[in-house]
Amino acid sequence: MMQALKAKLEQDFADELLDCDSDRDEITMHVAAEQIVAVCQRLRDQYDFEQLLDLCGVDYSEYGGSAWETKQSSEFGFSRAVDGMGHAEPVQDGLRFAVVYHLLSIKHNQRLRLKVRLEADSPVVDSVTSVWNSAEWFEREAFDLFGILFNGHNDLRRILTDYGFVGHPFRKDFPLIGNVEMRYDPDKKRVVYEPVSIEPRTLVPRVIRDDNRYHKDQN
């Protein structure tokens, strides 16, 4: 069924598709940003993808880069974002961001993923709130956390961070410790914001032990 759907999508969207691949029983359609609304409308009306389950942003700026030096413990090691297929060049410029849409057809019991890549300097794409109302809060979240702009959204404002928050915390270049911290000032009788006082440090989430308790060749 999946291969039949994939073949039909490739035929019907031949002019809009940049790529269409399938992996682990999932189909991903790659389309240009300027085609997203038209493609979504056709998928809803002609293919019965009546639900938008999720919409999220992606930052590829450090994709494929090793986050810390590791010791070999598996075929590809512990390094994050390394898939073992030679994708080891981080994306600094060009198509740094992406918006991913997850669709569901209840009628046909089918799922579909759409992906749109966006420029690093101007991550802008048209809103799909006219196709699915559920996109409203999803797009606000992607704007808040990644700084992706959605043309045509009627209320594009932050949804998770504070009103005066500066920056977009899910971008890879946003510091883990943030830029400001807050505390209650008893003299001013209100919460105040100050530059962060935490010293930056490297966090190592794994400890690879070398003693004989962890050797595979022990008897």
C-alpha atoms as a PDB file:
ATOM      1  CA  MET A   1       0.000   0.000   0.000  1.00  0.00           C
ATOM      2  CA  MET A   2       2.820   2.399   0.861  1.00  0.00           C
ATOM      3  CA  GLN A   3       4.608   1.869  -2.444  1.00  0.00           C
ATOM      4  CA  ALA A   4       1.356   2.353  -4.357  1.00  0.00           C
ATOM      5  CA  LEU A   5       0.748   5.644  -2.549  1.00  0.00           C
ATOM      6  CA  LYS A   6       4.325   6.751  -3.159  1.00  0.00           C
ATOM      7  CA  ALA A   7       4.042   6.013  -6.892  1.00  0.00           C
ATOM      8  CA  LYS A   8       0.751   7.923  -7.124  1.00  0.00           C
ATOM      9  CA  LEU A   9       2.177  10.921  -5.270  1.00  0.00           C
ATOM     10  CA  GLU A  10       5.248  11.008  -7.506  1.00  0.00           C
ATOM     11  CA  GLN A  11       3.011  10.976 -10.578  1.00  0.00           C
ATOM     12  CA  ASP A  12       0.417  13.496  -9.414  1.00  0.00           C
ATOM     13  CA  PHE A  13       2.924  15.933  -7.861  1.00  0.00           C
ATOM     14  CA  ALA A  14       5.648  15.606 -10.474  1.00  0.00           C
ATOM     15  CA  ASP A  15       5.834  19.386 -10.960  1.00  0.00           C
ATOM     16  CA  GLU A  16       5.935  20.219  -7.236  1.00  0.00           C
ATOM     17  CA  LEU A  17       8.130  17.460  -5.821  1.00  0.00           C
ATOM     18  CA  LEU A  18      11.808  17.994  -5.154  1.00  0.00           C
ATOM     19  CA  ASP A  19      12.138  14.450  -3.851  1.00  0.00           C
ATOM     20  CA  CYS A  20      10.013  11.646  -2.443  1.00  0.00           C
ATOM     21  CA  ASP A  21      11.474   8.867  -0.335  1.00  0.00           C
ATOM     22  CA  SER A  22      10.226   6.088   1.907  1.00  0.00           C
ATOM     23  CA  ASP A  23      11.861   4.530   4.915  1.00  0.00           C
ATOM     24  CA  ARG A  24      10.492   2.355   7.735  1.00  0.00           C
ATOM     25  CA  ASP A  25       6.997   2.400   6.237  1.00  0.00           C
ATOM     26  CA  GLU A  26       6.950   6.200   6.109  1.00  0.00           C
ATOM     27  CA  ILE A  27       6.769   8.460   3.054  1.00  0.00           C
ATOM     28  CA  THR A  28       8.440  11.869   3.005  1.00  0.00           C
ATOM     29  CA  MET A  29       7.620  14.432   0.329  1.00  0.00           C
ATOM     30  CA  HIS A  30      10.131  17.262  -0.155  1.00  0.00           C
ATOM     31  CA  VAL A  31       8.565  20.363  -1.699  1.00  0.00           C
ATOM     32  CA  ALA A  32       9.631  23.951  -2.306  1.00  0.00           C
ATOM     33  CA  ALA A  33       8.420  26.565   0.168  1.00  0.00           C
ATOM     34  CA  GLU A  34       6.367  28.433  -2.425  1.00  0.00           C
ATOM     35  CA  GLN A  35       4.373  25.256  -3.210  1.00  0.00           C
ATOM     36  CA  ILE A  36       3.460  24.231   0.328  1.00  0.00           C
ATOM     37  CA  VAL A  37      -0.090  25.626   0.558  1.00  0.00           C
ATOM     38  CA  ALA A  38      -1.168  24.310  -2.848  1.00  0.00           C
ATOM     39  CA  VAL A  39       0.311  20.880  -2.101  1.00  0.00           C
ATOM     40  CA  CYS A  40      -1.365  20.722   1.310  1.00  0.00           C
ATOM     41  CA  GLN A  41      -4.753  21.674  -0.133  1.00  0.00           C
ATOM     42  CA  ARG A  42      -4.531  18.892  -2.714  1.00  0.00           C
ATOM     43  CA  LEU A  43      -3.411  16.360  -0.116  1.00  0.00           C
ATOM     44  CA  ARG A  44      -6.397  17.283   2.056  1.00  0.00           C
ATOM     45  CA  ASP A  45      -9.013  17.395  -0.698  1.00  0.00           C
ATOM     46  CA  GLN A  46      -7.833  14.667  -3.078  1.00  0.00           C
ATOM     47  CA  TYR A  47      -5.979  12.283  -0.761  1.00  0.00           C
ATOM     48  CA  ASP A  48      -8.123  12.734   2.379  1.00  0.00           C
ATOM     49  CA  PHE A  49      -5.302  13.823   4.668  1.00  0.00           C
ATOM     50  CA  GLU A  50      -7.775  15.634   6.852  1.00  0.00           C
ATOM     51  CA  GLN A  51      -5.595  15.964   9.952  1.00  0.00           C
ATOM     52  CA  LEU A  52      -2.371  17.830  10.592  1.00  0.00           C
ATOM     53  CA  LEU A  53      -0.911  15.859  13.508  1.00  0.00           C
ATOM     54  CA  ASP A  54       2.209  17.953  14.007  1.00  0.00           C
ATOM     55  CA  LEU A  55       4.270  20.759  12.540  1.00  0.00           C
ATOM     56  CA  CYS A  56       7.780  21.434  13.806  1.00  0.00           C
ATOM     57  CA  GLY A  57      10.942  23.287  12.930  1.00  0.00           C
ATOM     58  CA  VAL A  58      14.413  21.815  12.411  1.00  0.00           C
ATOM     59  CA  ASP A  59      17.814  23.498  12.586  1.00  0.00           C
ATOM     60  CA  TYR A  60      20.439  21.677  10.510  1.00  0.00           C
ATOM     61  CA  SER A  61      23.310  24.007  11.387  1.00  0.00           C
ATOM     62  CA  GLU A  62      25.212  21.320  13.326  1.00  0.00           C
ATOM     63  CA  TYR A  63      23.766  18.276  11.578  1.00  0.00           C
ATOM     64  CA  GLY A  64      26.381  15.595  11.037  1.00  0.00           C
ATOM     65  CA  GLY A  65      28.864  17.154  13.432  1.00  0.00           C
ATOM     66  CA  SER A  66      30.256  15.338  16.431  1.00  0.00           C
ATOM     67  CA  ALA A  67      29.308  17.065  19.680  1.00  0.00           C
ATOM     68  CA  TRP A  68      32.141  15.592  21.718  1.00  0.00           C
ATOM     69  CA  GLU A  69      35.067  13.247  21.360  1.00  0.00           C
ATOM     70  CA  THR A  70      34.045   9.652  22.021  1.00  0.00           C
ATOM     71  CA  LYS A  71      35.620   6.256  22.233  1.00  0.00           C
ATOM     72  CA  GLN A  72      34.475   3.589  19.840  1.00  0.00           C
ATOM     73  CA  SER A  73      31.805   1.470  21.445  1.00  0.00           C
ATOM     74  CA  SER A  74      29.545   0.623  18.515  1.00  0.00           C
ATOM     75  CA  GLU A  75      29.674   0.650  14.736  1.00  0.00           C
ATOM     76  CA  PHE A  76      29.235   4.439  14.571  1.00  0.00           C
ATOM     77  CA  GLY A  77      30.204   5.504  18.091  1.00  0.00           C
ATOM     78  CA  PHE A  78      28.236   7.741  20.429  1.00  0.00           C
ATOM     79  CA  SER A  79      28.480  11.007  18.509  1.00  0.00           C
ATOM     80  CA  ARG A  80      25.191  12.833  18.099  1.00  0.00           C
ATOM     81  CA  ALA A  81      23.791  13.648  14.636  1.00  0.00           C
ATOM     82  CA  VAL A  82      26.123  11.194  12.890  1.00  0.00           C
ATOM     83  CA  ASP A  83      24.127   8.646  10.922  1.00  0.00           C
ATOM     84  CA  GLY A  84      27.051   6.597   9.686  1.00  0.00           C
ATOM     85  CA  MET A  85      26.226   7.308   6.043  1.00  0.00           C
ATOM     86  CA  GLY A  86      28.820   9.990   5.413  1.00  0.00           C
ATOM     87  CA  HIS A  87      26.635  12.969   6.343  1.00  0.00           C
ATOM     88  CA  ALA A  88      29.278  14.734   8.352  1.00  0.00           C
ATOM     89  CA  GLU A  89      29.256  18.315   7.025  1.00  0.00           C
ATOM     90  CA  PRO A  90      27.337  20.785   9.210  1.00  0.00           C
ATOM     91  CA  VAL A  91      25.018  23.219   7.440  1.00  0.00           C
ATOM     92  CA  GLN A  92      26.125  26.765   8.247  1.00  0.00           C
ATOM     93  CA  ASP A  93      24.624  28.672   5.306  1.00  0.00           C
ATOM     94  CA  GLY A  94      22.074  27.965   2.629  1.00  0.00           C
ATOM     95  CA  LEU A  95      19.143  25.715   3.563  1.00  0.00           C
ATOM     96  CA  ARG A  96      19.759  25.690   7.298  1.00  0.00           C
ATOM     97  CA  PHE A  97      16.156  25.363   8.520  1.00  0.00           C
ATOM     98  CA  ALA A  98      13.252  23.089   7.687  1.00  0.00           C
ATOM     99  CA  VAL A  99       9.574  22.825   8.514  1.00  0.00           C
ATOM    100  CA  VAL A 100       8.187  19.302   8.821  1.00  0.00           C
ATOM    101  CA  TYR A 101       4.464  18.489   8.554  1.00  0.00           C
ATOM    102  CA  HIS A 102       2.972  15.171   9.712  1.00  0.00           C
ATOM    103  CA  LEU A 103      -0.376  14.320   8.104  1.00  0.00           C
ATOM    104  CA  LEU A 104      -2.961  11.625   8.819  1.00  0.00           C
ATOM    105  CA  SER A 105      -5.729  10.187   6.676  1.00  0.00           C
ATOM    106  CA  ILE A 106      -8.241   8.504   8.979  1.00  0.00           C
ATOM    107  CA  LYS A 107     -10.264   7.312   6.008  1.00  0.00           C
ATOM    108  CA  HIS A 108      -7.360   5.410   4.431  1.00  0.00           C
ATOM    109  CA  ASN A 109      -5.332   4.789   7.612  1.00  0.00           C
ATOM    110  CA  GLN A 110      -2.263   6.439   6.034  1.00  0.00           C
ATOM    111  CA  ARG A 111       0.392   8.820   7.293  1.00  0.00           C
ATOM    112  CA  LEU A 112       2.538  11.225   5.313  1.00  0.00           C
ATOM    113  CA  ARG A 113       5.402  13.573   6.058  1.00  0.00           C
ATOM    114  CA  LEU A 114       6.089  16.835   4.213  1.00  0.00           C
ATOM    115  CA  LYS A 115       9.386  18.670   4.470  1.00  0.00           C
ATOM    116  CA  VAL A 116      10.220  22.209   3.333  1.00  0.00           C
ATOM    117  CA  ARG A 117      13.782  23.544   3.522  1.00  0.00           C
ATOM    118  CA  LEU A 118      14.327  27.249   4.251  1.00  0.00           C
ATOM    119  CA  GLU A 119      17.208  29.678   3.866  1.00  0.00           C
ATOM    120  CA  ALA A 120      19.389  30.491   6.859  1.00  0.00           C
ATOM    121  CA  ASP A 121      19.074  34.262   6.425  1.00  0.00           C
ATOM    122  CA  SER A 122      15.305  34.369   5.852  1.00  0.00           C
ATOM    123  CA  PRO A 123      13.419  31.285   7.073  1.00  0.00           C
ATOM    124  CA  VAL A 124       9.987  32.224   5.720  1.00  0.00           C
ATOM    125  CA  VAL A 125       7.164  29.981   4.477  1.00  0.00           C
ATOM    126  CA  ASP A 126       3.430  30.457   3.921  1.00  0.00           C
ATOM    127  CA  SER A 127       1.085  29.487   6.738  1.00  0.00           C
ATOM    128  CA  VAL A 128      -1.144  26.416   6.283  1.00  0.00           C
ATOM    129  CA  THR A 129      -3.750  27.618   8.795  1.00  0.00           C
ATOM    130  CA  SER A 130      -6.126  28.073   5.861  1.00  0.00           C
ATOM    131  CA  VAL A 131      -5.867  24.315   5.228  1.00  0.00           C
ATOM    132  CA  TRP A 132      -5.790  22.999   8.812  1.00  0.00           C
ATOM    133  CA  ASN A 133      -6.799  25.125  11.798  1.00  0.00           C
ATOM    134  CA  SER A 134      -4.582  23.025  14.044  1.00  0.00           C
ATOM    135  CA  ALA A 135      -1.522  24.613  12.418  1.00  0.00           C
ATOM    136  CA  GLU A 136      -2.069  27.857  14.335  1.00  0.00           C
ATOM    137  CA  TRP A 137      -0.348  26.912  17.590  1.00  0.00           C
ATOM    138  CA  PHE A 138       2.189  24.647  15.877  1.00  0.00           C
ATOM    139  CA  GLU A 139       3.374  27.545  13.698  1.00  0.00           C
ATOM    140  CA  ARG A 140       3.561  29.855  16.698  1.00  0.00           C
ATOM    141  CA  GLU A 141       5.757  27.288  18.446  1.00  0.00           C
ATOM    142  CA  ALA A 142       8.096  26.992  15.442  1.00  0.00           C
ATOM    143  CA  PHE A 143       8.287  30.794  15.278  1.00  0.00           C
ATOM    144  CA  ASP A 144       9.002  31.072  18.997  1.00  0.00           C
ATOM    145  CA  LEU A 145      11.659  28.367  19.227  1.00  0.00           C
ATOM    146  CA  PHE A 146      13.318  28.573  15.787  1.00  0.00           C
ATOM    147  CA  GLY A 147      12.475  32.044  14.476  1.00  0.00           C
ATOM    148  CA  ILE A 148      10.680  30.668  11.400  1.00  0.00           C
ATOM    149  CA  LEU A 149       8.166  33.145   9.957  1.00  0.00           C
ATOM    150  CA  PHE A 150       4.803  32.028   8.560  1.00  0.00           C
ATOM    151  CA  ASN A 151       3.230  34.388   6.041  1.00  0.00           C
ATOM    152  CA  GLY A 152      -0.520  34.726   6.456  1.00  0.00           C
ATOM    153  CA  HIS A 153      -0.661  33.645  10.099  1.00  0.00           C
ATOM    154  CA  ASN A 154      -3.072  36.000  11.835  1.00  0.00           C
ATOM    155  CA  ASP A 155      -1.508  35.852  15.325  1.00  0.00           C
ATOM    156  CA  LEU A 156       2.185  35.021  14.989  1.00  0.00           C
ATOM    157  CA  ARG A 157       3.536  35.723  18.486  1.00  0.00           C
ATOM    158  CA  ARG A 158       5.512  33.772  21.063  1.00  0.00           C
ATOM    159  CA  ILE A 159       3.716  30.922  22.793  1.00  0.00           C
ATOM    160  CA  LEU A 160       6.236  29.242  25.138  1.00  0.00           C
ATOM    161  CA  THR A 161       8.829  31.847  26.095  1.00  0.00           C
ATOM    162  CA  ASP A 162       8.323  35.052  28.053  1.00  0.00           C
ATOM    163  CA  TYR A 163       7.002  38.255  26.489  1.00  0.00           C
ATOM    164  CA  GLY A 164      10.346  40.046  26.407  1.00  0.00           C
ATOM    165  CA  PHE A 165      12.419  36.995  25.495  1.00  0.00           C
ATOM    166  CA  VAL A 166      15.278  37.663  23.078  1.00  0.00           C
ATOM    167  CA  GLY A 167      16.389  34.983  20.635  1.00  0.00           C
ATOM    168  CA  HIS A 168      15.085  31.545  19.691  1.00  0.00           C
ATOM    169  CA  PRO A 169      16.123  28.813  22.158  1.00  0.00           C
ATOM    170  CA  PHE A 170      15.950  25.791  19.815  1.00  0.00           C
ATOM    171  CA  ARG A 171      18.461  27.248  17.385  1.00  0.00           C
ATOM    172  CA  LYS A 172      21.770  25.415  17.638  1.00  0.00           C
ATOM    173  CA  ASP A 173      23.719  28.638  18.190  1.00  0.00           C
ATOM    174  CA  PHE A 174      21.581  29.655  21.184  1.00  0.00           C
ATOM    175  CA  PRO A 175      23.624  29.161  24.411  1.00  0.00           C
ATOM    176  CA  LEU A 176      22.499  26.295  26.642  1.00  0.00           C
ATOM    177  CA  ILE A 177      22.662  28.538  29.712  1.00  0.00           C
ATOM    178  CA  GLY A 178      20.665  31.274  27.978  1.00  0.00           C
ATOM    179  CA  ASN A 179      21.422  34.979  27.911  1.00  0.00           C
ATOM    180  CA  VAL A 180      19.551  36.242  30.974  1.00  0.00           C
ATOM    181  CA  GLU A 181      18.399  34.986  34.346  1.00  0.00           C
ATOM    182  CA  MET A 182      15.660  36.289  36.596  1.00  0.00           C
ATOM    183  CA  ARG A 183      15.192  36.720  40.330  1.00  0.00           C
ATOM    184  CA  TYR A 184      12.786  38.438  42.669  1.00  0.00           C
ATOM    185  CA  ASP A 185      14.031  41.818  43.850  1.00  0.00           C
ATOM    186  CA  PRO A 186      12.615  42.564  47.349  1.00  0.00           C
ATOM    187  CA  ASP A 187      13.397  46.282  47.005  1.00  0.00           C
ATOM    188  CA  LYS A 188      11.641  46.688  43.671  1.00  0.00           C
ATOM    189  CA  LYS A 189       9.024  44.108  44.688  1.00  0.00           C
ATOM    190  CA  ARG A 190       9.051  42.498  41.278  1.00  0.00           C
ATOM    191  CA  VAL A 191      10.943  39.996  39.140  1.00  0.00           C
ATOM    192  CA  VAL A 192      14.007  41.461  37.445  1.00  0.00           C
ATOM    193  CA  TYR A 193      16.134  40.159  34.568  1.00  0.00           C
ATOM    194  CA  GLU A 194      19.939  40.197  34.681  1.00  0.00           C
ATOM    195  CA  PRO A 195      22.761  38.865  32.484  1.00  0.00           C
ATOM    196  CA  VAL A 196      23.312  35.188  33.184  1.00  0.00           C
ATOM    197  CA  SER A 197      25.910  34.540  35.891  1.00  0.00           C
ATOM    198  CA  ILE A 198      26.545  30.854  35.151  1.00  0.00           C
ATOM    199  CA  GLU A 199      29.971  30.128  33.683  1.00  0.00           C
ATOM    200  CA  PRO A 200      29.808  28.196  30.403  1.00  0.00           C
ATOM    201  CA  ARG A 201      30.997  24.612  30.700  1.00  0.00           C
ATOM    202  CA  THR A 202      31.119  21.511  28.549  1.00  0.00           C
ATOM    203  CA  LEU A 203      28.552  18.909  29.536  1.00  0.00           C
ATOM    204  CA  VAL A 204      29.454  15.265  28.916  1.00  0.00           C
ATOM    205  CA  PRO A 205      26.324  13.104  29.119  1.00  0.00           C
ATOM    206  CA  ARG A 206      28.113   9.762  28.904  1.00  0.00           C
ATOM    207  CA  VAL A 207      30.918   8.199  30.897  1.00  0.00           C
ATOM    208  CA  ILE A 208      32.661   5.313  29.160  1.00  0.00           C
ATOM    209  CA  ARG A 209      34.325   3.155  31.769  1.00  0.00           C
ATOM    210  CA  ASP A 210      37.376   1.065  30.941  1.00  0.00           C
ATOM    211  CA  ASP A 211      37.502  -1.294  33.920  1.00  0.00           C
ATOM    212  CA  ASN A 212      36.932  -5.021  33.540  1.00  0.00           C
ATOM    213  CA  ARG A 213      33.262  -4.887  34.555  1.00  0.00           C
ATOM    214  CA  TYR A 214      32.444  -3.521  31.100  1.00  0.00           C
ATOM    215  CA  HIS A 215      34.714  -5.650  28.894  1.00  0.00           C
ATOM    216  CA  LYS A 216      32.796  -7.840  26.482  1.00  0.00           C
ATOM    217  CA  ASP A 217      35.525 -10.499  26.300  1.00  0.00           C
ATOM    218  CA  GLN A 218      35.518 -11.297  29.989  1.00  0.00           C
ATOM    219  CA  ASN A 219      34.956 -14.933  30.941  1.00  0.00           C
END
